[in-house]
Amino acid sequence: MRVSMLDPSAFTPPYDHALARSLARAGVEVELITSRFLYGPVPETDGYEVTEAFYRRTAARGLDAPGRRIFKAGEHLLDMAALWRRPEPDVVHHQWLTMPAIDTHLISRRRPSVITAHYILAPDPSRRQLGIARRMYGQMDAVIAHSQHGARRLREEVGVEPGRIHVIHHGAFDYLTALPEEKPLPDELAGAEGPVVLFFGLLRPYKGVDLLLEAFRQVRGAELWIVGNPRMPVEPLLEAAELCSAKVRFVTRFIDEDEIPALFRRADIAVLPYLDAEHSGVIYTGLAFGTPMVASSVGGFPELAGSSGAIRIVEPGDAEALATELNRLIADPDARRQLSEAGFEAAATTYSWDEIGLQTKDLYSSLLGSSGDHDGA
């Protein structure tokens, strides 16, 4: 069985590579078609092929090149058209469509097509956004949701036929626990003596970093690390940190994957105070390292908490509830240990990539069976 997996803009390299690796172990011939990731290294290829077929000229110009978005858009059209000239796979699996309003007219319909619904709809979508989502998901033979919550949104909000929706979990990023080399904690985070609460990932408004700092005014007995590349002004966050009685440390830059293990091994609690999300790679990193977590009740987080037993859930936007839950866990090492053990167990079973690879392969096989095409299967 030959599968082309597409992520033109390399939006989710860890997920792409983890899924490709698990499919290869399951006996699927996988080609990941993507672009060069300009922010740092990506997971090593293991048993599958990677072709950087998109945005080669844009990548060569660099992240800070003038007119980068316009240049990339023009190159995108050419690169999408070039896909038609490539050898045909048995299945095409889209991870993202970079320009969905246009791409829905450009993607091939010659083979069964699958898309993973990493992000279904923005809050309060416009009529245009909803129309694009309906066209994008509507022309796929199968749509993968990572939770029943996502599947329900696809049915009820987007209007995808129930029979084309398949729930396959996102996997725990366990490859991070066995990297060939790990870097020590950055100098900015050296010397912590007590419990550490970690916020990790891109700093964006919807992730509730300001809410977390508000909550931390009431937190005692731990320090807070805010680590990630900013996509929002940092100055208000630094000012809010000054109002906290506990120590708050910032590392505001892109974090290479070989720096991630030291962060999660040292953290006593990882916190995701998001105001909106479907899922987050951070939460699956926490599972892999057995890091106790506190997360908002958004997207698939409550469902993941219920099935894994590794996450405490609070209402989104409630700083007081967040502070209360953090204080409880900081004061209760036994509770943290129980959450950690549950995380390790979930990562090795329900959220293992071997299980996810097999389920995804079965989906491909069912599509090929229903289309009457068994070549290479």
Protein backbone atom coordinates (compact mmCIF):
# COMPACT_ATOMS: atom_id res chain seq x y z
CA MET A 1 0.00 0.00 0.00
CA ARG A 2 1.46 3.33 -1.10
CA VAL A 3 0.42 6.49 0.74
CA SER A 4 1.30 10.10 0.06
CA MET A 5 1.05 12.21 3.22
CA LEU A 6 0.84 15.95 2.55
CA ASP A 7 1.73 18.82 4.86
CA PRO A 8 2.87 21.50 2.40
CA SER A 9 3.76 24.20 4.94
CA ALA A 10 5.17 21.79 7.55
CA PHE A 11 2.60 22.92 10.08
CA THR A 12 2.95 19.82 12.28
CA PRO A 13 6.29 18.05 11.67
CA PRO A 14 6.28 16.04 14.94
CA TYR A 15 2.84 14.61 14.17
CA ASP A 16 3.64 14.00 10.49
CA HIS A 17 6.82 12.11 11.25
CA ALA A 18 5.36 10.14 14.15
CA LEU A 19 2.42 8.96 12.05
CA ALA A 20 4.64 8.17 9.06
CA ARG A 21 6.98 6.17 11.30
CA SER A 22 4.11 4.18 12.80
CA LEU A 23 2.60 3.47 9.38
CA ALA A 24 5.98 2.29 8.11
CA ARG A 25 6.21 -0.13 11.06
CA ALA A 26 2.75 -1.39 10.07
CA GLY A 27 4.00 -2.18 6.57
CA VAL A 28 2.75 0.89 4.68
CA GLU A 29 4.95 2.55 2.06
CA VAL A 30 4.80 6.23 3.03
CA GLU A 31 6.07 9.37 1.33
CA LEU A 32 5.75 12.55 3.39
CA ILE A 33 5.50 15.47 0.98
CA THR A 34 6.22 18.73 2.73
CA SER A 35 8.56 21.73 2.82
CA ARG A 36 11.72 22.54 4.70
CA PHE A 37 10.96 23.47 8.30
CA LEU A 38 12.78 26.75 8.86
CA TYR A 39 12.51 27.03 12.64
CA GLY A 40 14.74 24.13 13.65
CA PRO A 41 15.43 20.41 13.18
CA VAL A 42 12.63 17.89 12.67
CA PRO A 43 12.42 14.23 13.72
CA GLU A 44 14.70 11.88 11.84
CA THR A 45 13.27 9.79 9.02
CA ASP A 46 12.80 6.12 9.93
CA GLY A 47 11.37 3.70 7.38
CA TYR A 48 9.61 6.24 5.15
CA GLU A 49 10.54 8.80 2.51
CA VAL A 50 10.44 12.59 2.89
CA THR A 51 10.21 14.83 -0.17
CA GLU A 52 10.51 18.58 0.33
CA ALA A 53 8.50 19.41 -2.80
CA PHE A 54 6.99 22.69 -1.62
CA TYR A 55 8.35 26.25 -1.35
CA ARG A 56 11.96 25.46 -2.19
CA ARG A 57 12.63 28.95 -3.55
CA THR A 58 10.79 30.59 -0.65
CA ALA A 59 12.77 28.56 1.87
CA ALA A 60 16.04 29.53 0.19
CA ARG A 61 15.15 33.21 0.63
CA GLY A 62 14.74 32.76 4.42
CA LEU A 63 12.11 33.67 6.99
CA ASP A 64 12.81 37.40 6.91
CA ALA A 65 12.78 37.86 3.14
CA PRO A 66 10.61 40.78 1.96
CA GLY A 67 7.28 39.82 0.45
CA ARG A 68 7.65 36.26 1.74
CA ARG A 69 3.93 35.50 1.99
CA ILE A 70 3.16 36.72 -1.53
CA PHE A 71 6.15 34.86 -2.96
CA LYS A 72 5.11 31.70 -1.13
CA ALA A 73 1.51 31.96 -2.38
CA GLY A 74 2.69 32.11 -5.97
CA GLU A 75 5.00 29.16 -5.50
CA HIS A 76 2.22 27.24 -3.78
CA LEU A 77 0.07 27.20 -6.91
CA LEU A 78 2.93 25.85 -8.99
CA ASP A 79 3.83 23.19 -6.42
CA MET A 80 0.24 22.03 -6.04
CA ALA A 81 -0.07 21.70 -9.81
CA ALA A 82 3.16 19.67 -9.87
CA LEU A 83 1.59 17.04 -7.62
CA TRP A 84 -0.49 15.88 -10.57
CA ARG A 85 2.70 14.84 -12.37
CA ARG A 86 3.97 12.65 -9.52
CA PRO A 87 3.49 8.85 -9.48
CA GLU A 88 0.06 8.07 -8.10
CA PRO A 89 -0.19 6.55 -4.62
CA ASP A 90 -3.01 4.31 -3.47
CA VAL A 91 -4.17 6.85 -0.87
CA VAL A 92 -3.56 10.57 -0.36
CA HIS A 93 -3.59 11.68 3.26
CA HIS A 94 -3.76 15.45 3.78
CA GLN A 95 -2.61 16.79 7.12
CA TRP A 96 -3.24 20.43 6.20
CA LEU A 97 -4.33 22.45 3.20
CA THR A 98 -2.25 25.62 3.17
CA MET A 99 -4.75 27.64 1.13
CA PRO A 100 -7.98 25.67 1.54
CA ALA A 101 -10.17 28.03 -0.50
CA ILE A 102 -7.91 27.39 -3.51
CA ASP A 103 -6.57 23.94 -2.70
CA THR A 104 -10.01 22.36 -2.76
CA HIS A 105 -9.98 23.03 -6.52
CA LEU A 106 -6.44 21.74 -7.02
CA ILE A 107 -6.18 18.48 -5.10
CA SER A 108 -6.45 15.24 -7.02
CA ARG A 109 -9.63 13.18 -6.77
CA ARG A 110 -8.13 10.22 -8.59
CA ARG A 111 -7.40 8.25 -5.42
CA PRO A 112 -9.12 7.93 -2.03
CA SER A 113 -8.39 11.10 -0.06
CA VAL A 114 -8.17 11.39 3.72
CA ILE A 115 -7.74 14.53 5.81
CA THR A 116 -6.93 14.87 9.49
CA ALA A 117 -9.03 17.58 11.12
CA HIS A 118 -6.35 19.09 13.33
CA TYR A 119 -8.32 22.33 13.63
CA ILE A 120 -11.93 22.25 12.56
CA LEU A 121 -13.31 25.79 12.77
CA ALA A 122 -12.41 29.12 14.34
CA PRO A 123 -14.70 30.37 17.13
CA ASP A 124 -17.75 32.09 15.63
CA PRO A 125 -16.76 31.30 12.04
CA SER A 126 -17.85 33.59 9.26
CA ARG A 127 -20.11 32.33 6.48
CA ARG A 128 -17.06 32.22 4.21
CA GLN A 129 -14.98 30.20 6.70
CA LEU A 130 -17.82 27.75 7.16
CA GLY A 131 -18.26 27.41 3.42
CA ILE A 132 -14.57 26.68 2.91
CA ALA A 133 -14.62 24.06 5.68
CA ARG A 134 -17.64 22.37 4.12
CA ARG A 135 -15.98 22.20 0.72
CA MET A 136 -12.65 21.03 2.15
CA TYR A 137 -14.02 18.23 4.32
CA GLY A 138 -16.91 17.47 2.01
CA GLN A 139 -14.76 16.31 -0.89
CA MET A 140 -12.70 13.90 1.22
CA ASP A 141 -13.47 10.19 1.33
CA ALA A 142 -12.64 10.12 5.04
CA VAL A 143 -12.05 12.70 7.76
CA ILE A 144 -10.05 11.81 10.86
CA ALA A 145 -11.00 13.49 14.14
CA HIS A 146 -8.84 13.04 17.23
CA SER A 147 -11.81 12.92 19.62
CA GLN A 148 -15.53 12.38 19.79
CA HIS A 149 -15.81 16.12 20.44
CA GLY A 150 -14.13 16.80 17.09
CA ALA A 151 -16.31 14.22 15.36
CA ARG A 152 -19.43 15.89 16.75
CA ARG A 153 -18.29 19.31 15.49
CA LEU A 154 -17.64 17.88 12.05
CA ARG A 155 -21.16 16.42 11.95
CA GLU A 156 -23.13 19.23 13.52
CA GLU A 157 -21.25 22.38 12.58
CA VAL A 158 -19.60 21.49 9.29
CA GLY A 159 -22.15 18.96 8.03
CA VAL A 160 -19.81 16.08 7.21
CA GLU A 161 -21.64 12.81 6.67
CA PRO A 162 -21.23 10.65 9.82
CA GLY A 163 -20.07 7.63 7.83
CA ARG A 164 -17.03 9.51 6.57
CA ILE A 165 -15.84 10.58 10.04
CA HIS A 166 -13.39 8.34 11.87
CA VAL A 167 -12.03 8.94 15.38
CA ILE A 168 -8.35 8.05 15.66
CA HIS A 169 -6.46 9.46 18.62
CA HIS A 170 -3.42 11.67 18.44
CA GLY A 171 -0.39 9.79 19.77
CA ALA A 172 1.92 10.60 22.66
CA PHE A 173 5.23 12.02 21.47
CA ASP A 174 7.27 9.23 23.01
CA TYR A 175 10.11 9.63 20.50
CA LEU A 176 11.15 12.67 22.56
CA THR A 177 11.91 10.39 25.50
CA ALA A 178 14.59 8.52 23.54
CA LEU A 179 16.47 11.16 21.55
CA PRO A 180 20.13 10.36 20.80
CA GLU A 181 21.14 13.52 22.67
CA GLU A 182 19.38 15.80 25.11
CA LYS A 183 20.41 19.33 25.95
CA PRO A 184 20.41 20.47 29.59
CA LEU A 185 18.01 23.10 30.84
CA PRO A 186 18.74 26.56 29.46
CA ASP A 187 20.73 28.83 31.75
CA GLU A 188 17.65 30.98 32.37
CA LEU A 189 16.01 28.05 34.18
CA ALA A 190 18.92 26.80 36.26
CA GLY A 191 18.75 26.44 40.02
CA ALA A 192 15.06 25.77 40.70
CA GLU A 193 14.76 24.09 44.10
CA GLY A 194 11.03 23.51 44.60
CA PRO A 195 8.14 22.41 42.41
CA VAL A 196 8.00 23.83 38.89
CA VAL A 197 4.88 24.63 36.86
CA LEU A 198 5.60 24.67 33.12
CA PHE A 199 3.78 26.48 30.34
CA PHE A 200 5.31 25.33 27.06
CA GLY A 201 4.65 26.16 23.42
CA LEU A 202 4.08 29.09 21.11
CA LEU A 203 2.86 32.11 23.03
CA ARG A 204 -0.48 33.07 21.48
CA PRO A 205 -3.42 35.02 22.95
CA TYR A 206 -5.82 32.05 22.83
CA LYS A 207 -3.51 29.99 25.03
CA GLY A 208 -4.36 32.02 28.12
CA VAL A 209 -0.85 32.95 29.27
CA ASP A 210 -2.18 36.20 30.75
CA LEU A 211 -4.85 34.22 32.61
CA LEU A 212 -2.18 31.89 33.97
CA LEU A 213 -0.19 34.83 35.31
CA GLU A 214 -3.34 36.18 36.94
CA ALA A 215 -3.91 32.78 38.57
CA PHE A 216 -0.30 32.61 39.71
CA ARG A 217 -0.82 35.61 41.97
CA GLN A 218 -2.64 33.14 44.20
CA VAL A 219 -0.23 30.20 43.79
CA ARG A 220 2.22 29.36 46.55
CA GLY A 221 5.10 26.94 46.88
CA ALA A 222 6.19 26.69 43.21
CA GLU A 223 7.75 28.72 40.46
CA LEU A 224 6.40 29.19 36.95
CA TRP A 225 8.31 28.68 33.70
CA ILE A 226 6.87 30.20 30.52
CA VAL A 227 8.80 28.74 27.61
CA GLY A 228 8.12 29.24 23.92
CA ASN A 229 8.41 31.38 20.83
CA PRO A 230 6.20 34.49 21.15
CA ARG A 231 3.44 35.21 18.65
CA MET A 232 2.10 38.05 20.78
CA PRO A 233 3.59 41.02 22.68
CA VAL A 234 5.69 39.81 25.61
CA GLU A 235 5.91 43.08 27.53
CA PRO A 236 2.41 42.81 29.11
CA LEU A 237 3.27 39.29 30.26
CA LEU A 238 6.50 40.46 31.87
CA GLU A 239 4.59 43.20 33.64
CA ALA A 240 1.97 40.73 34.88
CA ALA A 241 4.73 38.45 36.17
CA GLU A 242 5.96 41.27 38.40
CA LEU A 243 2.66 41.05 40.32
CA CYS A 244 3.22 37.38 41.23
CA SER A 245 4.74 36.60 44.60
CA ALA A 246 6.29 33.40 43.22
CA LYS A 247 9.20 33.41 40.82
CA VAL A 248 8.29 33.52 37.13
CA ARG A 249 10.93 32.79 34.49
CA PHE A 250 10.65 33.28 30.74
CA VAL A 251 12.44 31.69 27.80
CA THR A 252 10.96 33.46 24.77
CA ARG A 253 12.48 31.78 21.72
CA PHE A 254 12.02 28.71 19.57
CA ILE A 255 12.86 25.55 21.52
CA ASP A 256 14.65 22.80 19.62
CA GLU A 257 13.32 19.30 20.21
CA ASP A 258 16.51 18.20 22.01
CA GLU A 259 15.78 20.87 24.63
CA ILE A 260 12.26 19.60 25.31
CA PRO A 261 13.06 16.49 27.42
CA ALA A 262 14.89 18.45 30.14
CA LEU A 263 11.91 20.78 30.50
CA PHE A 264 9.33 18.04 30.91
CA ARG A 265 11.55 15.85 33.10
CA ARG A 266 12.05 18.76 35.51
CA ALA A 267 8.48 20.07 35.49
CA ASP A 268 6.25 18.89 38.33
CA ILE A 269 3.11 20.13 36.54
CA ALA A 270 2.47 21.21 32.95
CA VAL A 271 -0.36 23.69 32.50
CA LEU A 272 -2.51 24.42 29.43
CA PRO A 273 -4.87 27.30 30.33
CA TYR A 274 -6.17 27.55 26.75
CA LEU A 275 -9.27 29.52 25.86
CA ASP A 276 -9.74 27.66 22.57
CA ALA A 277 -8.23 24.51 21.06
CA GLU A 278 -9.07 21.19 19.48
CA HIS A 279 -5.88 19.49 20.65
CA SER A 280 -2.30 20.38 21.47
CA GLY A 281 1.02 18.69 20.86
CA VAL A 282 2.03 19.90 24.33
CA ILE A 283 -0.51 17.65 26.02
CA TYR A 284 0.79 14.61 24.12
CA THR A 285 4.33 15.52 25.07
CA GLY A 286 3.22 15.62 28.70
CA LEU A 287 1.72 12.14 28.39
CA ALA A 288 4.96 10.76 26.99
CA PHE A 289 6.98 12.11 29.92
CA GLY A 290 4.37 11.28 32.55
CA THR A 291 4.10 14.94 33.50
CA PRO A 292 1.01 15.74 35.60
CA MET A 293 -1.14 18.27 33.76
CA VAL A 294 -3.82 20.87 34.37
CA ALA A 295 -5.78 21.93 31.28
CA SER A 296 -8.84 23.95 30.38
CA SER A 297 -12.10 22.29 29.43
CA VAL A 298 -11.82 23.06 25.71
CA GLY A 299 -11.86 20.89 22.61
CA GLY A 300 -10.86 17.29 23.20
CA PHE A 301 -9.05 18.00 26.49
CA PRO A 302 -11.85 16.76 28.82
CA GLU A 303 -12.23 13.55 26.79
CA LEU A 304 -8.47 12.96 26.93
CA ALA A 305 -8.48 13.63 30.66
CA GLY A 306 -11.26 11.10 31.19
CA SER A 307 -9.65 8.35 29.13
CA SER A 308 -6.10 8.82 30.40
CA GLY A 309 -6.57 9.85 34.03
CA ALA A 310 -3.46 12.03 33.63
CA ILE A 311 -5.00 15.52 33.51
CA ARG A 312 -6.97 17.74 35.87
CA ILE A 313 -9.57 19.90 34.09
CA VAL A 314 -10.69 23.45 34.96
CA GLU A 315 -13.13 25.82 33.30
CA PRO A 316 -11.55 28.04 30.63
CA GLY A 317 -11.07 31.65 31.63
CA ASP A 318 -11.43 30.95 35.37
CA ALA A 319 -8.20 32.17 36.99
CA GLU A 320 -9.38 31.34 40.49
CA ALA A 321 -10.24 27.73 39.60
CA LEU A 322 -6.89 27.36 37.88
CA ALA A 323 -5.04 28.69 40.94
CA THR A 324 -6.99 26.36 43.22
CA GLU A 325 -6.14 23.25 41.15
CA LEU A 326 -2.48 24.21 40.88
CA ASN A 327 -2.24 24.77 44.63
CA ARG A 328 -3.85 21.38 45.28
CA LEU A 329 -1.36 19.53 43.11
CA ILE A 330 1.64 21.48 44.37
CA ALA A 331 0.72 20.48 47.92
CA ASP A 332 0.00 16.81 47.07
CA PRO A 333 2.98 14.79 45.73
CA ASP A 334 0.92 11.58 45.86
CA ALA A 335 -1.70 13.04 43.53
CA ARG A 336 1.02 14.14 41.15
CA ARG A 337 2.53 10.66 41.20
CA GLN A 338 -0.83 9.10 40.34
CA LEU A 339 -1.29 11.47 37.41
CA SER A 340 2.23 10.69 36.23
CA GLU A 341 1.68 6.93 36.31
CA ALA A 342 -1.59 7.34 34.41
CA GLY A 343 0.19 9.39 31.76
CA PHE A 344 2.85 6.75 31.20
CA GLU A 345 0.17 4.05 30.95
CA ALA A 346 -1.91 6.03 28.45
CA ALA A 347 1.15 6.75 26.30
CA ALA A 348 1.97 3.05 26.15
CA THR A 349 -1.55 1.85 25.32
CA THR A 350 -4.46 3.95 24.02
CA TYR A 351 -2.24 6.77 22.80
CA SER A 352 0.65 4.67 21.47
CA TRP A 353 1.68 5.32 17.88
CA ASP A 354 1.75 1.62 17.05
CA GLU A 355 -1.97 1.44 17.84
CA ILE A 356 -2.67 4.62 15.90
CA GLY A 357 -0.66 3.41 12.91
CA LEU A 358 -2.66 0.18 12.74
CA GLN A 359 -5.99 2.02 12.97
CA THR A 360 -4.94 4.42 10.23
CA LYS A 361 -3.77 1.58 8.01
CA ASP A 362 -7.14 -0.16 8.54
CA LEU A 363 -8.89 3.02 7.44
CA TYR A 364 -6.81 3.16 4.26
CA SER A 365 -7.58 -0.50 3.56
CA SER A 366 -11.30 0.05 4.01
CA LEU A 367 -11.22 2.94 1.54
CA LEU A 368 -9.35 0.89 -1.03
CA GLY A 369 -11.74 -1.99 -0.53
CA SER A 370 -14.78 0.20 -1.00
CA SER A 371 -13.28 1.74 -4.15
CA GLY A 372 -12.46 -1.67 -5.56
CA ASP A 373 -8.75 -0.79 -5.79
CA HIS A 374 -6.43 -3.24 -4.10
CA ASP A 375 -3.21 -2.45 -5.95
CA GLY A 376 -0.31 -2.61 -3.55
CA ALA A 377 -2.55 -3.32 -0.57
